[in-house]
Amino acid sequence: QVQLVESGGGLVQPGGSLRLSCAASGSFVTIYDMGWYRQAPGKQRELVAEITSGGSTNYVDSVKGRFSISRDNAKNTVYLQMNTLKTEDTAVYYCKMTMRRFATTPSRYDYWGQGTQVTVSS
């Protein structure tokens, strides 16, 4: 079984910063891509940032220059540093990891965290 546990959300004023963390635990062989998604009320879930096992990153245009994704492979953890937060960044943020669970098969599976609320408001 695999579990992703997120932390770091909360209430922050516009212009402030937050750092989200997502740690994976359980039984798996390899973690490939890691990413952060968000879903605001009444909107579809969207990709915010992703990082490959090789360290390549990709960001949605609206967060470029403000957010930074990183990973610690030794801790099976992905981070999202969010700076210069705006009210439109308010959403539930979810982490996702793509993993190889078993050595006997190359199949990969996606796992999601439970979500953490980020509210940007004065």
N, C-alpha and C. Protein backbone atom coordinates (compact mmCIF):
# COMPACT_ATOMS: atom_id res chain seq x y z
N GLN A 1 0.84 -1.19 0.00
CA GLN A 1 0.00 0.00 0.00
C GLN A 1 0.89 1.24 0.00
N VAL A 2 0.39 2.29 -0.65
CA VAL A 2 1.13 3.54 -0.75
C VAL A 2 0.29 4.67 -0.18
N GLN A 3 0.94 5.56 0.55
CA GLN A 3 0.24 6.72 1.11
C GLN A 3 1.07 7.97 0.86
N LEU A 4 0.40 9.03 0.41
CA LEU A 4 1.02 10.34 0.25
C LEU A 4 0.41 11.27 1.28
N VAL A 5 1.26 11.89 2.08
CA VAL A 5 0.79 12.79 3.13
C VAL A 5 1.33 14.19 2.87
N GLU A 6 0.41 15.14 2.73
CA GLU A 6 0.77 16.52 2.45
C GLU A 6 0.72 17.34 3.72
N SER A 7 1.50 18.42 3.71
CA SER A 7 1.49 19.37 4.83
C SER A 7 1.94 20.73 4.34
N GLY A 8 1.66 21.75 5.14
CA GLY A 8 2.17 23.08 4.84
C GLY A 8 1.16 24.08 4.36
N GLY A 9 -0.07 23.67 4.14
CA GLY A 9 -1.09 24.61 3.70
C GLY A 9 -1.51 25.54 4.83
N GLY A 10 -2.33 26.52 4.48
CA GLY A 10 -2.81 27.43 5.50
C GLY A 10 -3.30 28.73 4.91
N LEU A 11 -3.47 29.71 5.79
CA LEU A 11 -3.94 31.04 5.41
C LEU A 11 -2.76 32.00 5.38
N VAL A 12 -2.64 32.75 4.30
CA VAL A 12 -1.54 33.69 4.15
C VAL A 12 -2.04 34.93 3.45
N GLN A 13 -1.43 36.06 3.74
CA GLN A 13 -1.82 37.31 3.09
C GLN A 13 -1.21 37.39 1.69
N PRO A 14 -1.84 38.16 0.82
CA PRO A 14 -1.24 38.37 -0.52
C PRO A 14 0.19 38.87 -0.40
N GLY A 15 1.05 38.30 -1.24
CA GLY A 15 2.47 38.63 -1.18
C GLY A 15 3.28 37.74 -0.28
N GLY A 16 2.59 36.91 0.50
CA GLY A 16 3.27 36.02 1.42
C GLY A 16 3.77 34.75 0.77
N SER A 17 4.31 33.86 1.60
CA SER A 17 4.91 32.61 1.12
C SER A 17 4.42 31.43 1.94
N LEU A 18 4.39 30.28 1.29
CA LEU A 18 4.12 29.00 1.95
C LEU A 18 4.97 27.94 1.29
N ARG A 19 5.28 26.89 2.05
CA ARG A 19 5.99 25.76 1.49
C ARG A 19 5.19 24.50 1.76
N LEU A 20 4.79 23.82 0.70
CA LEU A 20 4.06 22.57 0.81
C LEU A 20 5.04 21.40 0.73
N SER A 21 4.72 20.35 1.47
CA SER A 21 5.50 19.12 1.43
C SER A 21 4.56 17.95 1.20
N CYS A 22 5.07 16.92 0.54
CA CYS A 22 4.31 15.69 0.31
C CYS A 22 5.27 14.52 0.40
N ALA A 23 5.05 13.66 1.39
CA ALA A 23 5.93 12.53 1.63
C ALA A 23 5.21 11.22 1.32
N ALA A 24 5.90 10.34 0.62
CA ALA A 24 5.34 9.04 0.27
C ALA A 24 5.86 7.97 1.22
N SER A 25 4.96 7.07 1.57
CA SER A 25 5.35 5.93 2.41
C SER A 25 4.66 4.69 1.88
N GLY A 26 5.22 3.53 2.28
CA GLY A 26 4.62 2.29 1.84
C GLY A 26 5.60 1.48 1.02
N SER A 27 5.04 0.60 0.21
CA SER A 27 5.85 -0.33 -0.57
C SER A 27 5.89 0.07 -2.04
N PHE A 28 7.09 0.42 -2.53
CA PHE A 28 7.26 0.74 -3.94
C PHE A 28 8.73 0.60 -4.30
N VAL A 29 8.99 0.52 -5.62
CA VAL A 29 10.35 0.30 -6.09
C VAL A 29 11.01 1.62 -6.48
N THR A 30 10.27 2.39 -7.27
CA THR A 30 10.83 3.64 -7.81
C THR A 30 9.74 4.69 -7.92
N ILE A 31 10.10 5.94 -7.65
CA ILE A 31 9.20 7.06 -7.90
C ILE A 31 9.72 7.81 -9.12
N TYR A 32 8.87 8.00 -10.09
CA TYR A 32 9.25 8.72 -11.30
C TYR A 32 8.86 10.17 -11.16
N ASP A 33 7.86 10.62 -11.90
CA ASP A 33 7.45 12.02 -11.83
C ASP A 33 6.74 12.34 -10.53
N MET A 34 6.96 13.55 -10.05
CA MET A 34 6.23 14.08 -8.90
C MET A 34 5.61 15.40 -9.33
N GLY A 35 4.44 15.69 -8.82
CA GLY A 35 3.81 16.94 -9.23
C GLY A 35 2.84 17.48 -8.22
N TRP A 36 2.51 18.76 -8.42
CA TRP A 36 1.50 19.43 -7.62
C TRP A 36 0.38 19.91 -8.53
N TYR A 37 -0.85 19.69 -8.11
CA TYR A 37 -2.03 20.14 -8.81
C TYR A 37 -2.84 20.99 -7.84
N ARG A 38 -3.77 21.75 -8.37
CA ARG A 38 -4.67 22.50 -7.49
C ARG A 38 -6.06 22.55 -8.10
N GLN A 39 -7.03 22.72 -7.21
CA GLN A 39 -8.41 22.82 -7.64
C GLN A 39 -9.10 23.90 -6.82
N ALA A 40 -9.52 24.94 -7.50
CA ALA A 40 -10.25 26.02 -6.87
C ALA A 40 -11.75 25.72 -6.96
N PRO A 41 -12.55 26.30 -6.09
CA PRO A 41 -14.01 26.05 -6.12
C PRO A 41 -14.60 26.36 -7.49
N GLY A 42 -15.34 25.40 -8.02
CA GLY A 42 -16.01 25.59 -9.30
C GLY A 42 -15.11 25.45 -10.51
N LYS A 43 -13.86 25.07 -10.30
CA LYS A 43 -12.92 24.93 -11.41
C LYS A 43 -12.37 23.52 -11.47
N GLN A 44 -11.83 23.19 -12.64
CA GLN A 44 -11.20 21.89 -12.80
C GLN A 44 -9.83 21.86 -12.15
N ARG A 45 -9.42 20.67 -11.78
CA ARG A 45 -8.08 20.50 -11.24
C ARG A 45 -7.05 20.79 -12.35
N GLU A 46 -6.01 21.54 -11.99
CA GLU A 46 -4.99 21.89 -12.97
C GLU A 46 -3.60 21.56 -12.45
N LEU A 47 -2.71 21.26 -13.38
CA LEU A 47 -1.32 21.04 -13.03
C LEU A 47 -0.68 22.38 -12.67
N VAL A 48 0.02 22.40 -11.54
CA VAL A 48 0.74 23.60 -11.12
C VAL A 48 2.22 23.48 -11.48
N ALA A 49 2.82 22.36 -11.09
CA ALA A 49 4.25 22.14 -11.35
C ALA A 49 4.54 20.66 -11.28
N GLU A 50 5.55 20.23 -12.03
CA GLU A 50 5.95 18.85 -11.99
C GLU A 50 7.47 18.75 -12.13
N ILE A 51 8.00 17.64 -11.60
CA ILE A 51 9.44 17.42 -11.66
C ILE A 51 9.68 15.95 -11.97
N THR A 52 10.56 15.70 -12.92
CA THR A 52 10.87 14.33 -13.31
C THR A 52 11.93 13.74 -12.38
N SER A 53 12.17 12.45 -12.54
CA SER A 53 13.18 11.80 -11.74
C SER A 53 14.58 12.36 -12.04
N GLY A 54 14.74 12.92 -13.22
CA GLY A 54 16.01 13.53 -13.59
C GLY A 54 16.16 14.97 -13.17
N GLY A 55 15.09 15.54 -12.60
CA GLY A 55 15.15 16.90 -12.10
C GLY A 55 14.61 17.96 -13.04
N SER A 56 14.11 17.58 -14.20
CA SER A 56 13.50 18.56 -15.10
C SER A 56 12.17 19.02 -14.53
N THR A 57 11.90 20.31 -14.69
CA THR A 57 10.69 20.89 -14.11
C THR A 57 9.82 21.54 -15.16
N ASN A 58 8.54 21.65 -14.82
CA ASN A 58 7.58 22.29 -15.71
C ASN A 58 6.56 23.01 -14.83
N TYR A 59 6.17 24.24 -15.24
CA TYR A 59 5.24 25.03 -14.45
C TYR A 59 4.12 25.58 -15.33
N VAL A 60 2.96 25.73 -14.73
CA VAL A 60 1.89 26.44 -15.43
C VAL A 60 2.30 27.91 -15.50
N ASP A 61 1.92 28.58 -16.57
CA ASP A 61 2.39 29.95 -16.79
C ASP A 61 2.09 30.89 -15.63
N SER A 62 0.95 30.70 -14.98
CA SER A 62 0.52 31.65 -13.94
C SER A 62 1.39 31.63 -12.69
N VAL A 63 2.23 30.61 -12.53
CA VAL A 63 3.08 30.54 -11.32
C VAL A 63 4.57 30.66 -11.64
N LYS A 64 4.91 30.75 -12.90
CA LYS A 64 6.33 30.85 -13.27
C LYS A 64 6.97 32.08 -12.63
N GLY A 65 8.14 31.87 -12.05
CA GLY A 65 8.84 32.96 -11.38
C GLY A 65 8.43 33.16 -9.93
N ARG A 66 7.33 32.51 -9.51
CA ARG A 66 6.86 32.64 -8.12
C ARG A 66 6.94 31.33 -7.36
N PHE A 67 6.68 30.22 -8.02
CA PHE A 67 6.69 28.92 -7.37
C PHE A 67 7.91 28.13 -7.81
N SER A 68 8.36 27.24 -6.92
CA SER A 68 9.51 26.38 -7.23
C SER A 68 9.25 24.98 -6.68
N ILE A 69 9.37 23.99 -7.56
CA ILE A 69 9.18 22.61 -7.15
C ILE A 69 10.54 21.95 -6.98
N SER A 70 10.66 21.10 -5.98
CA SER A 70 11.91 20.36 -5.75
C SER A 70 11.56 19.00 -5.14
N ARG A 71 12.54 18.12 -5.12
CA ARG A 71 12.31 16.79 -4.56
C ARG A 71 13.53 16.32 -3.80
N ASP A 72 13.27 15.49 -2.79
CA ASP A 72 14.33 14.84 -2.02
C ASP A 72 14.09 13.34 -2.17
N ASN A 73 14.84 12.71 -3.04
CA ASN A 73 14.61 11.30 -3.33
C ASN A 73 14.90 10.40 -2.12
N ALA A 74 15.83 10.81 -1.29
CA ALA A 74 16.15 10.01 -0.10
C ALA A 74 14.98 9.98 0.87
N LYS A 75 14.18 11.03 0.85
CA LYS A 75 13.03 11.13 1.76
C LYS A 75 11.71 10.85 1.05
N ASN A 76 11.77 10.54 -0.25
CA ASN A 76 10.54 10.29 -1.03
C ASN A 76 9.56 11.44 -0.89
N THR A 77 10.08 12.64 -0.99
CA THR A 77 9.30 13.83 -0.70
C THR A 77 9.43 14.85 -1.83
N VAL A 78 8.32 15.51 -2.12
CA VAL A 78 8.30 16.61 -3.08
C VAL A 78 7.84 17.87 -2.35
N TYR A 79 8.42 18.99 -2.74
CA TYR A 79 8.13 20.27 -2.11
C TYR A 79 7.61 21.26 -3.16
N LEU A 80 6.83 22.22 -2.69
CA LEU A 80 6.42 23.33 -3.54
C LEU A 80 6.60 24.61 -2.73
N GLN A 81 7.60 25.39 -3.09
CA GLN A 81 7.82 26.69 -2.47
C GLN A 81 7.01 27.72 -3.24
N MET A 82 6.11 28.38 -2.54
CA MET A 82 5.21 29.34 -3.17
C MET A 82 5.49 30.73 -2.60
N ASN A 83 5.95 31.61 -3.45
CA ASN A 83 6.26 32.99 -3.05
C ASN A 83 5.33 33.95 -3.78
N THR A 84 5.28 35.16 -3.26
CA THR A 84 4.46 36.23 -3.85
C THR A 84 3.06 35.71 -4.17
N LEU A 85 2.45 35.11 -3.18
CA LEU A 85 1.14 34.49 -3.38
C LEU A 85 0.09 35.54 -3.70
N LYS A 86 -0.86 35.13 -4.55
CA LYS A 86 -1.96 35.98 -4.98
C LYS A 86 -3.28 35.36 -4.56
N THR A 87 -4.33 36.15 -4.50
CA THR A 87 -5.63 35.61 -4.11
C THR A 87 -6.07 34.51 -5.06
N GLU A 88 -5.69 34.61 -6.32
CA GLU A 88 -6.09 33.59 -7.29
C GLU A 88 -5.34 32.28 -7.12
N ASP A 89 -4.37 32.22 -6.21
CA ASP A 89 -3.70 30.96 -5.90
C ASP A 89 -4.50 30.15 -4.88
N THR A 90 -5.56 30.71 -4.34
CA THR A 90 -6.39 30.00 -3.37
C THR A 90 -7.00 28.76 -4.00
N ALA A 91 -6.76 27.61 -3.36
CA ALA A 91 -7.24 26.33 -3.89
C ALA A 91 -6.84 25.23 -2.92
N VAL A 92 -7.37 24.04 -3.20
CA VAL A 92 -6.86 22.84 -2.54
C VAL A 92 -5.72 22.31 -3.42
N TYR A 93 -4.58 22.09 -2.81
CA TYR A 93 -3.41 21.61 -3.54
C TYR A 93 -3.19 20.13 -3.27
N TYR A 94 -2.99 19.39 -4.35
CA TYR A 94 -2.80 17.94 -4.29
C TYR A 94 -1.43 17.58 -4.87
N CYS A 95 -0.76 16.63 -4.24
CA CYS A 95 0.46 16.10 -4.84
C CYS A 95 0.11 14.79 -5.55
N LYS A 96 0.90 14.50 -6.56
CA LYS A 96 0.76 13.25 -7.29
C LYS A 96 2.13 12.68 -7.55
N MET A 97 2.25 11.37 -7.41
CA MET A 97 3.50 10.69 -7.73
C MET A 97 3.22 9.49 -8.62
N THR A 98 4.08 9.29 -9.60
CA THR A 98 4.00 8.13 -10.47
C THR A 98 5.06 7.14 -10.03
N MET A 99 4.64 5.92 -9.72
CA MET A 99 5.54 4.94 -9.10
C MET A 99 5.52 3.61 -9.82
N ARG A 100 6.63 2.93 -9.68
CA ARG A 100 6.69 1.52 -9.99
C ARG A 100 6.58 0.79 -8.66
N ARG A 101 5.53 0.00 -8.52
CA ARG A 101 5.27 -0.65 -7.22
C ARG A 101 6.05 -1.94 -7.04
N PHE A 102 6.19 -2.72 -8.13
CA PHE A 102 6.71 -4.07 -7.96
C PHE A 102 7.89 -4.32 -8.89
N ALA A 103 8.88 -5.05 -8.39
CA ALA A 103 10.05 -5.37 -9.20
C ALA A 103 9.73 -6.36 -10.30
N THR A 104 8.64 -7.08 -10.16
CA THR A 104 8.29 -8.13 -11.11
C THR A 104 7.57 -7.60 -12.35
N THR A 105 7.21 -6.33 -12.35
CA THR A 105 6.54 -5.74 -13.49
C THR A 105 6.94 -4.28 -13.65
N PRO A 106 7.09 -3.82 -14.91
CA PRO A 106 7.45 -2.41 -15.12
C PRO A 106 6.27 -1.45 -15.01
N SER A 107 5.09 -1.94 -14.72
CA SER A 107 3.89 -1.10 -14.68
C SER A 107 4.05 0.05 -13.69
N ARG A 108 3.52 1.21 -14.10
CA ARG A 108 3.57 2.41 -13.26
C ARG A 108 2.16 2.81 -12.86
N TYR A 109 2.05 3.37 -11.67
CA TYR A 109 0.76 3.76 -11.13
C TYR A 109 0.85 5.18 -10.58
N ASP A 110 -0.26 5.90 -10.67
CA ASP A 110 -0.35 7.25 -10.10
C ASP A 110 -1.01 7.21 -8.73
N TYR A 111 -0.45 7.95 -7.80
CA TYR A 111 -1.00 8.07 -6.46
C TYR A 111 -1.16 9.54 -6.11
N TRP A 112 -2.23 9.82 -5.36
CA TRP A 112 -2.56 11.20 -5.00
C TRP A 112 -2.57 11.38 -3.49
N GLY A 113 -2.20 12.59 -3.07
CA GLY A 113 -2.38 12.96 -1.68
C GLY A 113 -3.81 13.36 -1.41
N GLN A 114 -4.11 13.64 -0.14
CA GLN A 114 -5.47 13.94 0.27
C GLN A 114 -5.85 15.40 0.03
N GLY A 115 -4.87 16.22 -0.25
CA GLY A 115 -5.13 17.64 -0.49
C GLY A 115 -4.87 18.49 0.73
N THR A 116 -4.37 19.70 0.50
CA THR A 116 -4.15 20.66 1.58
C THR A 116 -4.65 22.03 1.11
N GLN A 117 -5.39 22.70 1.97
CA GLN A 117 -6.00 23.98 1.59
C GLN A 117 -4.99 25.11 1.69
N VAL A 118 -4.92 25.90 0.64
CA VAL A 118 -4.14 27.13 0.63
C VAL A 118 -5.11 28.28 0.39
N THR A 119 -5.16 29.21 1.32
CA THR A 119 -6.03 30.36 1.21
C THR A 119 -5.20 31.63 1.27
N VAL A 120 -5.31 32.44 0.23
CA VAL A 120 -4.58 33.71 0.17
C VAL A 120 -5.61 34.83 0.29
N SER A 121 -5.56 35.53 1.41
CA SER A 121 -6.57 36.55 1.68
C SER A 121 -6.04 37.57 2.67
N SER A 122 -6.49 38.79 2.52
CA SER A 122 -6.11 39.83 3.46
C SER A 122 -7.17 39.96 4.56
